[in-house]
Amino acid sequence: MDQQANNQLNIEISEEVAEGAYANLAIITHSNAEFVIDFVNVMPGTPKSKVKSRIIFTPMHAKRFMKALEENIARFEEANGPIQDLEQIEIPMHFGGPTAQA
């Protein structure tokens, strides 16, 4: 048996998880033992949003995830050009919903 065959990881995904969940906001909190990332879908004009998914990492895995994401973003930008940073885009705080009037 070759060495590579012994190191392969067999990963399964259910249909429900494979569909994914859209999120346009991530809230990150941490303690000395873990990082918690809540993924939220904030919809315009909706005053309340729900957490769609919560992922809990050890600090070591959070750092490995960050490095993997940085590498993937670099590869994406190399193939598709720079991703515009949200700080360069002015987003109105009402997200297109009703605005208050005095």
PDB file of N, CA and C in Angstrom:
ATOM      1  N   MET A   1       0.849  -1.195   0.000  1.00  0.00           N
ATOM      2  CA  MET A   1       0.000   0.000   0.000  1.00  0.00           C
ATOM      3  C   MET A   1       0.884   1.244   0.000  1.00  0.00           C
ATOM      4  N   ASP A   2       0.567   2.200  -0.841  1.00  0.00           N
ATOM      5  CA  ASP A   2       1.435   3.366  -0.902  1.00  0.00           C
ATOM      6  C   ASP A   2       1.117   4.354   0.226  1.00  0.00           C
ATOM      7  N   GLN A   3       2.138   5.123   0.606  1.00  0.00           N
ATOM      8  CA  GLN A   3       2.048   6.050   1.743  1.00  0.00           C
ATOM      9  C   GLN A   3       0.930   7.076   1.552  1.00  0.00           C
ATOM     10  N   GLN A   4       0.740   7.582   0.318  1.00  0.00           N
ATOM     11  CA  GLN A   4      -0.270   8.610   0.063  1.00  0.00           C
ATOM     12  C   GLN A   4      -1.676   8.082   0.329  1.00  0.00           C
ATOM     13  N   ALA A   5      -1.948   6.830   0.005  1.00  0.00           N
ATOM     14  CA  ALA A   5      -3.266   6.242   0.230  1.00  0.00           C
ATOM     15  C   ALA A   5      -3.602   6.209   1.718  1.00  0.00           C
ATOM     16  N   ASN A   6      -2.596   6.006   2.565  1.00  0.00           N
ATOM     17  CA  ASN A   6      -2.820   5.976   4.010  1.00  0.00           C
ATOM     18  C   ASN A   6      -3.129   7.354   4.579  1.00  0.00           C
ATOM     19  N   ASN A   7      -2.708   8.424   3.900  1.00  0.00           N
ATOM     20  CA  ASN A   7      -2.893   9.777   4.404  1.00  0.00           C
ATOM     21  C   ASN A   7      -4.137  10.469   3.862  1.00  0.00           C
ATOM     22  N   GLN A   8      -4.930   9.777   3.035  1.00  0.00           N
ATOM     23  CA  GLN A   8      -6.116  10.402   2.472  1.00  0.00           C
ATOM     24  C   GLN A   8      -7.216  10.481   3.516  1.00  0.00           C
ATOM     25  N   LEU A   9      -7.988  11.570   3.445  1.00  0.00           N
ATOM     26  CA  LEU A   9      -9.092  11.803   4.363  1.00  0.00           C
ATOM     27  C   LEU A   9     -10.387  11.677   3.586  1.00  0.00           C
ATOM     28  N   ASN A  10     -11.287  10.843   4.066  1.00  0.00           N
ATOM     29  CA  ASN A  10     -12.568  10.647   3.406  1.00  0.00           C
ATOM     30  C   ASN A  10     -13.593  11.548   4.085  1.00  0.00           C
ATOM     31  N   ILE A  11     -14.095  12.549   3.351  1.00  0.00           N
ATOM     32  CA  ILE A  11     -15.031  13.524   3.912  1.00  0.00           C
ATOM     33  C   ILE A  11     -16.363  13.400   3.196  1.00  0.00           C
ATOM     34  N   GLU A  12     -17.443  13.297   3.961  1.00  0.00           N
ATOM     35  CA  GLU A  12     -18.786  13.243   3.390  1.00  0.00           C
ATOM     36  C   GLU A  12     -19.521  14.530   3.727  1.00  0.00           C
ATOM     37  N   ILE A  13     -20.494  14.911   2.870  1.00  0.00           N
ATOM     38  CA  ILE A  13     -21.294  16.111   3.115  1.00  0.00           C
ATOM     39  C   ILE A  13     -22.753  15.776   2.832  1.00  0.00           C
ATOM     40  N   SER A  14     -23.616  16.154   3.752  1.00  0.00           N
ATOM     41  CA  SER A  14     -25.046  15.899   3.554  1.00  0.00           C
ATOM     42  C   SER A  14     -25.589  16.875   2.514  1.00  0.00           C
ATOM     43  N   GLU A  15     -26.740  16.535   1.931  1.00  0.00           N
ATOM     44  CA  GLU A  15     -27.347  17.425   0.934  1.00  0.00           C
ATOM     45  C   GLU A  15     -27.666  18.785   1.553  1.00  0.00           C
ATOM     46  N   GLU A  16     -28.168  18.788   2.780  1.00  0.00           N
ATOM     47  CA  GLU A  16     -28.537  20.045   3.447  1.00  0.00           C
ATOM     48  C   GLU A  16     -27.325  20.947   3.625  1.00  0.00           C
ATOM     49  N   VAL A  17     -26.215  20.393   4.079  1.00  0.00           N
ATOM     50  CA  VAL A  17     -25.004  21.185   4.277  1.00  0.00           C
ATOM     51  C   VAL A  17     -24.419  21.603   2.929  1.00  0.00           C
ATOM     52  N   ALA A  18     -24.507  20.741   1.929  1.00  0.00           N
ATOM     53  CA  ALA A  18     -23.962  21.046   0.603  1.00  0.00           C
ATOM     54  C   ALA A  18     -24.664  22.238  -0.038  1.00  0.00           C
ATOM     55  N   GLU A  19     -25.924  22.482   0.315  1.00  0.00           N
ATOM     56  CA  GLU A  19     -26.644  23.639  -0.219  1.00  0.00           C
ATOM     57  C   GLU A  19     -26.026  24.944   0.249  1.00  0.00           C
ATOM     58  N   GLY A  20     -25.399  24.940   1.404  1.00  0.00           N
ATOM     59  CA  GLY A  20     -24.755  26.131   1.936  1.00  0.00           C
ATOM     60  C   GLY A  20     -25.755  27.114   2.525  1.00  0.00           C
ATOM     61  N   ALA A  21     -25.233  28.130   3.166  1.00  0.00           N
ATOM     62  CA  ALA A  21     -26.040  29.208   3.732  1.00  0.00           C
ATOM     63  C   ALA A  21     -25.345  30.508   3.399  1.00  0.00           C
ATOM     64  N   TYR A  22     -26.073  31.455   2.805  1.00  0.00           N
ATOM     65  CA  TYR A  22     -25.500  32.745   2.425  1.00  0.00           C
ATOM     66  C   TYR A  22     -25.325  33.610   3.671  1.00  0.00           C
ATOM     67  N   ALA A  23     -24.189  34.261   3.768  1.00  0.00           N
ATOM     68  CA  ALA A  23     -23.941  35.202   4.861  1.00  0.00           C
ATOM     69  C   ALA A  23     -23.207  36.411   4.297  1.00  0.00           C
ATOM     70  N   ASN A  24     -23.591  37.607   4.768  1.00  0.00           N
ATOM     71  CA  ASN A  24     -22.893  38.820   4.344  1.00  0.00           C
ATOM     72  C   ASN A  24     -22.333  39.579   5.548  1.00  0.00           C
ATOM     73  N   LEU A  25     -22.313  38.908   6.694  1.00  0.00           N
ATOM     74  CA  LEU A  25     -21.741  39.489   7.902  1.00  0.00           C
ATOM     75  C   LEU A  25     -21.187  38.359   8.763  1.00  0.00           C
ATOM     76  N   ALA A  26     -19.997  38.553   9.298  1.00  0.00           N
ATOM     77  CA  ALA A  26     -19.413  37.597  10.228  1.00  0.00           C
ATOM     78  C   ALA A  26     -19.081  38.342  11.514  1.00  0.00           C
ATOM     79  N   ILE A  27     -19.504  37.776  12.626  1.00  0.00           N
ATOM     80  CA  ILE A  27     -19.210  38.357  13.943  1.00  0.00           C
ATOM     81  C   ILE A  27     -18.252  37.396  14.635  1.00  0.00           C
ATOM     82  N   ILE A  28     -17.083  37.892  14.998  1.00  0.00           N
ATOM     83  CA  ILE A  28     -16.047  37.046  15.579  1.00  0.00           C
ATOM     84  C   ILE A  28     -15.809  37.435  17.028  1.00  0.00           C
ATOM     85  N   THR A  29     -15.887  36.450  17.908  1.00  0.00           N
ATOM     86  CA  THR A  29     -15.566  36.647  19.315  1.00  0.00           C
ATOM     87  C   THR A  29     -14.566  35.558  19.714  1.00  0.00           C
ATOM     88  N   HIS A  30     -13.883  35.774  20.824  1.00  0.00           N
ATOM     89  CA  HIS A  30     -12.930  34.755  21.255  1.00  0.00           C
ATOM     90  C   HIS A  30     -12.751  34.770  22.766  1.00  0.00           C
ATOM     91  N   SER A  31     -12.319  33.626  23.261  1.00  0.00           N
ATOM     92  CA  SER A  31     -11.896  33.493  24.657  1.00  0.00           C
ATOM     93  C   SER A  31     -10.455  33.004  24.599  1.00  0.00           C
ATOM     94  N   ASN A  32      -9.898  32.632  25.730  1.00  0.00           N
ATOM     95  CA  ASN A  32      -8.520  32.130  25.699  1.00  0.00           C
ATOM     96  C   ASN A  32      -8.445  30.723  25.106  1.00  0.00           C
ATOM     97  N   ALA A  33      -9.600  30.054  24.936  1.00  0.00           N
ATOM     98  CA  ALA A  33      -9.595  28.680  24.455  1.00  0.00           C
ATOM     99  C   ALA A  33     -10.197  28.494  23.071  1.00  0.00           C
ATOM    100  N   GLU A  34     -10.974  29.488  22.574  1.00  0.00           N
ATOM    101  CA  GLU A  34     -11.651  29.271  21.301  1.00  0.00           C
ATOM    102  C   GLU A  34     -12.005  30.581  20.601  1.00  0.00           C
ATOM    103  N   PHE A  35     -12.175  30.471  19.292  1.00  0.00           N
ATOM    104  CA  PHE A  35     -12.698  31.552  18.459  1.00  0.00           C
ATOM    105  C   PHE A  35     -14.078  31.111  17.994  1.00  0.00           C
ATOM    106  N   VAL A  36     -15.054  32.012  18.081  1.00  0.00           N
ATOM    107  CA  VAL A  36     -16.412  31.719  17.638  1.00  0.00           C
ATOM    108  C   VAL A  36     -16.744  32.685  16.507  1.00  0.00           C
ATOM    109  N   ILE A  37     -17.130  32.129  15.358  1.00  0.00           N
ATOM    110  CA  ILE A  37     -17.517  32.955  14.210  1.00  0.00           C
ATOM    111  C   ILE A  37     -18.985  32.679  13.918  1.00  0.00           C
ATOM    112  N   ASP A  38     -19.808  33.724  14.058  1.00  0.00           N
ATOM    113  CA  ASP A  38     -21.224  33.649  13.711  1.00  0.00           C
ATOM    114  C   ASP A  38     -21.404  34.271  12.338  1.00  0.00           C
ATOM    115  N   PHE A  39     -21.999  33.507  11.431  1.00  0.00           N
ATOM    116  CA  PHE A  39     -22.274  33.988  10.078  1.00  0.00           C
ATOM    117  C   PHE A  39     -23.738  34.394  10.013  1.00  0.00           C
ATOM    118  N   VAL A  40     -23.985  35.642   9.566  1.00  0.00           N
ATOM    119  CA  VAL A  40     -25.318  36.238   9.584  1.00  0.00           C
ATOM    120  C   VAL A  40     -25.664  36.707   8.169  1.00  0.00           C
ATOM    121  N   ASN A  41     -26.947  36.622   7.816  1.00  0.00           N
ATOM    122  CA  ASN A  41     -27.447  37.170   6.566  1.00  0.00           C
ATOM    123  C   ASN A  41     -28.295  38.377   6.914  1.00  0.00           C
ATOM    124  N   VAL A  42     -27.745  39.587   6.684  1.00  0.00           N
ATOM    125  CA  VAL A  42     -28.447  40.835   6.968  1.00  0.00           C
ATOM    126  C   VAL A  42     -29.164  41.259   5.691  1.00  0.00           C
ATOM    127  N   MET A  43     -30.491  41.383   5.753  1.00  0.00           N
ATOM    128  CA  MET A  43     -31.281  41.754   4.582  1.00  0.00           C
ATOM    129  C   MET A  43     -31.708  43.216   4.681  1.00  0.00           C
ATOM    130  N   PRO A  44     -31.702  43.919   3.558  1.00  0.00           N
ATOM    131  CA  PRO A  44     -32.118  45.327   3.550  1.00  0.00           C
ATOM    132  C   PRO A  44     -33.531  45.499   4.096  1.00  0.00           C
ATOM    133  N   GLY A  45     -33.715  46.528   4.919  1.00  0.00           N
ATOM    134  CA  GLY A  45     -35.028  46.854   5.450  1.00  0.00           C
ATOM    135  C   GLY A  45     -35.531  45.909   6.521  1.00  0.00           C
ATOM    136  N   THR A  46     -34.712  44.952   6.931  1.00  0.00           N
ATOM    137  CA  THR A  46     -35.115  44.006   7.963  1.00  0.00           C
ATOM    138  C   THR A  46     -34.432  44.385   9.270  1.00  0.00           C
ATOM    139  N   PRO A  47     -35.193  44.697  10.319  1.00  0.00           N
ATOM    140  CA  PRO A  47     -34.573  45.157  11.558  1.00  0.00           C
ATOM    141  C   PRO A  47     -33.883  44.047  12.354  1.00  0.00           C
ATOM    142  N   LYS A  48     -34.229  42.785  12.077  1.00  0.00           N
ATOM    143  CA  LYS A  48     -33.685  41.675  12.861  1.00  0.00           C
ATOM    144  C   LYS A  48     -33.103  40.623  11.916  1.00  0.00           C
ATOM    145  N   SER A  49     -31.927  40.120  12.243  1.00  0.00           N
ATOM    146  CA  SER A  49     -31.287  39.087  11.437  1.00  0.00           C
ATOM    147  C   SER A  49     -30.930  37.916  12.334  1.00  0.00           C
ATOM    148  N   LYS A  50     -30.881  36.719  11.752  1.00  0.00           N
ATOM    149  CA  LYS A  50     -30.553  35.513  12.513  1.00  0.00           C
ATOM    150  C   LYS A  50     -29.186  34.984  12.111  1.00  0.00           C
ATOM    151  N   VAL A  51     -28.513  34.366  13.080  1.00  0.00           N
ATOM    152  CA  VAL A  51     -27.266  33.676  12.791  1.00  0.00           C
ATOM    153  C   VAL A  51     -27.613  32.459  11.950  1.00  0.00           C
ATOM    154  N   LYS A  52     -26.953  32.320  10.796  1.00  0.00           N
ATOM    155  CA  LYS A  52     -27.192  31.190   9.898  1.00  0.00           C
ATOM    156  C   LYS A  52     -26.308  30.004  10.244  1.00  0.00           C
ATOM    157  N   SER A  53     -25.118  30.301  10.784  1.00  0.00           N
ATOM    158  CA  SER A  53     -24.185  29.238  11.109  1.00  0.00           C
ATOM    159  C   SER A  53     -23.192  29.750  12.142  1.00  0.00           C
ATOM    160  N   ARG A  54     -22.776  28.878  13.035  1.00  0.00           N
ATOM    161  CA  ARG A  54     -21.751  29.211  14.030  1.00  0.00           C
ATOM    162  C   ARG A  54     -20.651  28.172  13.936  1.00  0.00           C
ATOM    163  N   ILE A  55     -19.422  28.648  13.767  1.00  0.00           N
ATOM    164  CA  ILE A  55     -18.263  27.762  13.706  1.00  0.00           C
ATOM    165  C   ILE A  55     -17.352  28.102  14.884  1.00  0.00           C
ATOM    166  N   ILE A  56     -16.906  27.074  15.580  1.00  0.00           N
ATOM    167  CA  ILE A  56     -16.034  27.253  16.743  1.00  0.00           C
ATOM    168  C   ILE A  56     -14.683  26.610  16.431  1.00  0.00           C
ATOM    169  N   PHE A  57     -13.620  27.413  16.562  1.00  0.00           N
ATOM    170  CA  PHE A  57     -12.258  26.970  16.280  1.00  0.00           C
ATOM    171  C   PHE A  57     -11.417  27.033  17.543  1.00  0.00           C
ATOM    172  N   THR A  58     -10.414  26.160  17.628  1.00  0.00           N
ATOM    173  CA  THR A  58      -9.355  26.374  18.602  1.00  0.00           C
ATOM    174  C   THR A  58      -8.513  27.525  18.063  1.00  0.00           C
ATOM    175  N   PRO A  59      -7.727  28.215  18.896  1.00  0.00           N
ATOM    176  CA  PRO A  59      -6.876  29.287  18.376  1.00  0.00           C
ATOM    177  C   PRO A  59      -5.946  28.821  17.250  1.00  0.00           C
ATOM    178  N   MET A  60      -5.392  27.618  17.377  1.00  0.00           N
ATOM    179  CA  MET A  60      -4.495  27.090  16.346  1.00  0.00           C
ATOM    180  C   MET A  60      -5.247  26.893  15.030  1.00  0.00           C
ATOM    181  N   HIS A  61      -6.451  26.341  15.088  1.00  0.00           N
ATOM    182  CA  HIS A  61      -7.214  26.121  13.864  1.00  0.00           C
ATOM    183  C   HIS A  61      -7.726  27.439  13.276  1.00  0.00           C
ATOM    184  N   ALA A  62      -8.022  28.424  14.122  1.00  0.00           N
ATOM    185  CA  ALA A  62      -8.432  29.735  13.619  1.00  0.00           C
ATOM    186  C   ALA A  62      -7.294  30.351  12.810  1.00  0.00           C
ATOM    187  N   LYS A  63      -6.070  30.236  13.304  1.00  0.00           N
ATOM    188  CA  LYS A  63      -4.919  30.786  12.585  1.00  0.00           C
ATOM    189  C   LYS A  63      -4.674  30.035  11.283  1.00  0.00           C
ATOM    190  N   ARG A  64      -4.821  28.716  11.294  1.00  0.00           N
ATOM    191  CA  ARG A  64      -4.657  27.922  10.069  1.00  0.00           C
ATOM    192  C   ARG A  64      -5.741  28.289   9.054  1.00  0.00           C
ATOM    193  N   PHE A  65      -6.969  28.529   9.530  1.00  0.00           N
ATOM    194  CA  PHE A  65      -8.067  28.937   8.650  1.00  0.00           C
ATOM    195  C   PHE A  65      -7.757  30.295   8.017  1.00  0.00           C
ATOM    196  N   MET A  66      -7.255  31.232   8.827  1.00  0.00           N
ATOM    197  CA  MET A  66      -6.911  32.557   8.324  1.00  0.00           C
ATOM    198  C   MET A  66      -5.852  32.448   7.220  1.00  0.00           C
ATOM    199  N   LYS A  67      -4.824  31.643   7.445  1.00  0.00           N
ATOM    200  CA  LYS A  67      -3.768  31.490   6.438  1.00  0.00           C
ATOM    201  C   LYS A  67      -4.319  30.855   5.163  1.00  0.00           C
ATOM    202  N   ALA A  68      -5.175  29.849   5.304  1.00  0.00           N
ATOM    203  CA  ALA A  68      -5.761  29.196   4.129  1.00  0.00           C
ATOM    204  C   ALA A  68      -6.639  30.173   3.358  1.00  0.00           C
ATOM    205  N   LEU A  69      -7.403  31.009   4.066  1.00  0.00           N
ATOM    206  CA  LEU A  69      -8.253  32.000   3.409  1.00  0.00           C
ATOM    207  C   LEU A  69      -7.399  33.043   2.688  1.00  0.00           C
ATOM    208  N   GLU A  70      -6.320  33.501   3.338  1.00  0.00           N
ATOM    209  CA  GLU A  70      -5.409  34.460   2.690  1.00  0.00           C
ATOM    210  C   GLU A  70      -4.817  33.884   1.405  1.00  0.00           C
ATOM    211  N   GLU A  71      -4.403  32.613   1.449  1.00  0.00           N
ATOM    212  CA  GLU A  71      -3.831  31.969   0.265  1.00  0.00           C
ATOM    213  C   GLU A  71      -4.863  31.875  -0.850  1.00  0.00           C
ATOM    214  N   ASN A  72      -6.091  31.516  -0.515  1.00  0.00           N
ATOM    215  CA  ASN A  72      -7.139  31.370  -1.514  1.00  0.00           C
ATOM    216  C   ASN A  72      -7.551  32.716  -2.103  1.00  0.00           C
ATOM    217  N   ILE A  73      -7.592  33.752  -1.277  1.00  0.00           N
ATOM    218  CA  ILE A  73      -7.903  35.096  -1.787  1.00  0.00           C
ATOM    219  C   ILE A  73      -6.807  35.551  -2.744  1.00  0.00           C
ATOM    220  N   ALA A  74      -5.551  35.297  -2.400  1.00  0.00           N
ATOM    221  CA  ALA A  74      -4.434  35.675  -3.283  1.00  0.00           C
ATOM    222  C   ALA A  74      -4.550  34.960  -4.619  1.00  0.00           C
ATOM    223  N   ARG A  75      -4.883  33.668  -4.619  1.00  0.00           N
ATOM    224  CA  ARG A  75      -5.039  32.917  -5.872  1.00  0.00           C
ATOM    225  C   ARG A  75      -6.221  33.447  -6.682  1.00  0.00           C
ATOM    226  N   PHE A  76      -7.326  33.782  -5.996  1.00  0.00           N
ATOM    227  CA  PHE A  76      -8.502  34.334  -6.671  1.00  0.00           C
ATOM    228  C   PHE A  76      -8.154  35.652  -7.353  1.00  0.00           C
ATOM    229  N   GLU A  77      -7.479  36.542  -6.602  1.00  0.00           N
ATOM    230  CA  GLU A  77      -7.132  37.853  -7.156  1.00  0.00           C
ATOM    231  C   GLU A  77      -6.115  37.730  -8.293  1.00  0.00           C
ATOM    232  N   GLU A  78      -5.243  36.751  -8.204  1.00  0.00           N
ATOM    233  CA  GLU A  78      -4.279  36.525  -9.278  1.00  0.00           C
ATOM    234  C   GLU A  78      -5.010  36.154 -10.571  1.00  0.00           C
ATOM    235  N   ALA A  79      -6.074  35.393 -10.452  1.00  0.00           N
ATOM    236  CA  ALA A  79      -6.835  34.948 -11.624  1.00  0.00           C
ATOM    237  C   ALA A  79      -7.884  35.957 -12.071  1.00  0.00           C
ATOM    238  N   ASN A  80      -8.455  36.735 -11.126  1.00  0.00           N
ATOM    239  CA  ASN A  80      -9.611  37.579 -11.436  1.00  0.00           C
ATOM    240  C   ASN A  80      -9.424  39.065 -11.189  1.00  0.00           C
ATOM    241  N   GLY A  81      -8.283  39.463 -10.686  1.00  0.00           N
ATOM    242  CA  GLY A  81      -8.055  40.863 -10.356  1.00  0.00           C
ATOM    243  C   GLY A  81      -8.424  41.148  -8.905  1.00  0.00           C
ATOM    244  N   PRO A  82      -8.069  42.327  -8.424  1.00  0.00           N
ATOM    245  CA  PRO A  82      -8.275  42.669  -7.018  1.00  0.00           C
ATOM    246  C   PRO A  82      -9.753  42.698  -6.633  1.00  0.00           C
ATOM    247  N   ILE A  83     -10.017  42.228  -5.440  1.00  0.00           N
ATOM    248  CA  ILE A  83     -11.354  42.319  -4.853  1.00  0.00           C
ATOM    249  C   ILE A  83     -11.444  43.701  -4.216  1.00  0.00           C
ATOM    250  N   GLN A  84     -12.505  44.426  -4.523  1.00  0.00           N
ATOM    251  CA  GLN A  84     -12.659  45.769  -3.949  1.00  0.00           C
ATOM    252  C   GLN A  84     -12.921  45.641  -2.453  1.00  0.00           C
ATOM    253  N   ASP A  85     -12.188  46.389  -1.662  1.00  0.00           N
ATOM    254  CA  ASP A  85     -12.317  46.368  -0.209  1.00  0.00           C
ATOM    255  C   ASP A  85     -13.576  47.116   0.199  1.00  0.00           C
ATOM    256  N   LEU A  86     -14.332  46.567   1.132  1.00  0.00           N
ATOM    257  CA  LEU A  86     -15.564  47.211   1.596  1.00  0.00           C
ATOM    258  C   LEU A  86     -15.312  48.601   2.161  1.00  0.00           C
ATOM    259  N   GLU A  87     -14.126  48.836   2.706  1.00  0.00           N
ATOM    260  CA  GLU A  87     -13.821  50.154   3.263  1.00  0.00           C
ATOM    261  C   GLU A  87     -13.781  51.215   2.178  1.00  0.00           C
ATOM    262  N   GLN A  88     -13.628  50.794   0.915  1.00  0.00           N
ATOM    263  CA  GLN A  88     -13.595  51.734  -0.199  1.00  0.00           C
ATOM    264  C   GLN A  88     -14.998  52.011  -0.731  1.00  0.00           C
ATOM    265  N   ILE A  89     -15.986  51.247  -0.270  1.00  0.00           N
ATOM    266  CA  ILE A  89     -17.360  51.407  -0.730  1.00  0.00           C
ATOM    267  C   ILE A  89     -18.165  52.027   0.402  1.00  0.00           C
ATOM    268  N   GLU A  90     -18.889  53.089   0.112  1.00  0.00           N
ATOM    269  CA  GLU A  90     -19.734  53.700   1.143  1.00  0.00           C
ATOM    270  C   GLU A  90     -21.049  52.946   1.210  1.00  0.00           C
ATOM    271  N   ILE A  91     -21.294  52.307   2.360  1.00  0.00           N
ATOM    272  CA  ILE A  91     -22.517  51.537   2.559  1.00  0.00           C
ATOM    273  C   ILE A  91     -23.417  52.330   3.494  1.00  0.00           C
ATOM    274  N   PRO A  92     -24.614  52.702   3.039  1.00  0.00           N
ATOM    275  CA  PRO A  92     -25.524  53.412   3.948  1.00  0.00           C
ATOM    276  C   PRO A  92     -25.967  52.482   5.073  1.00  0.00           C
ATOM    277  N   MET A  93     -26.048  53.003   6.271  1.00  0.00           N
ATOM    278  CA  MET A  93     -26.385  52.180   7.429  1.00  0.00           C
ATOM    279  C   MET A  93     -27.800  51.608   7.361  1.00  0.00           C
ATOM    280  N   HIS A  94     -28.679  52.186   6.546  1.00  0.00           N
ATOM    281  CA  HIS A  94     -30.041  51.654   6.468  1.00  0.00           C
ATOM    282  C   HIS A  94     -30.131  50.516   5.447  1.00  0.00           C
ATOM    283  N   PHE A  95     -29.068  50.189   4.732  1.00  0.00           N
ATOM    284  CA  PHE A  95     -29.020  49.098   3.770  1.00  0.00           C
ATOM    285  C   PHE A  95     -30.191  49.129   2.799  1.00  0.00           C
ATOM    286  N   GLY A  96     -30.661  50.293   2.435  1.00  0.00           N
ATOM    287  CA  GLY A  96     -31.706  50.379   1.438  1.00  0.00           C
ATOM    288  C   GLY A  96     -33.113  50.296   2.015  1.00  0.00           C
ATOM    289  N   GLY A  97     -33.216  50.147   3.332  1.00  0.00           N
ATOM    290  CA  GLY A  97     -34.531  50.063   3.971  1.00  0.00           C
ATOM    291  C   GLY A  97     -35.083  51.439   4.257  1.00  0.00           C
ATOM    292  N   PRO A  98     -36.171  51.504   4.984  1.00  0.00           N
ATOM    293  CA  PRO A  98     -36.782  52.809   5.290  1.00  0.00           C
ATOM    294  C   PRO A  98     -35.849  53.685   6.109  1.00  0.00           C
ATOM    295  N   THR A  99     -35.889  54.977   5.847  1.00  0.00           N
ATOM    296  CA  THR A  99     -35.057  55.905   6.606  1.00  0.00           C
ATOM    297  C   THR A  99     -35.942  56.710   7.551  1.00  0.00           C
ATOM    298  N   ALA A 100     -35.364  57.116   8.670  1.00  0.00           N
ATOM    299  CA  ALA A 100     -36.108  57.908   9.653  1.00  0.00           C
ATOM    300  C   ALA A 100     -36.224  59.349   9.164  1.00  0.00           C
ATOM    301  N   GLN A 101     -37.335  59.973   9.463  1.00  0.00           N
ATOM    302  CA  GLN A 101     -37.519  61.361   9.087  1.00  0.00           C
ATOM    303  C   GLN A 101     -37.933  62.158  10.325  1.00  0.00           C
ATOM    304  N   ALA A 102     -37.428  63.392  10.414  1.00  0.00           N
ATOM    305  CA  ALA A 102     -37.743  64.240  11.574  1.00  0.00           C
ATOM    306  C   ALA A 102     -38.940  65.118  11.292  1.00  0.00           C
TER     307      ALA A 102
END
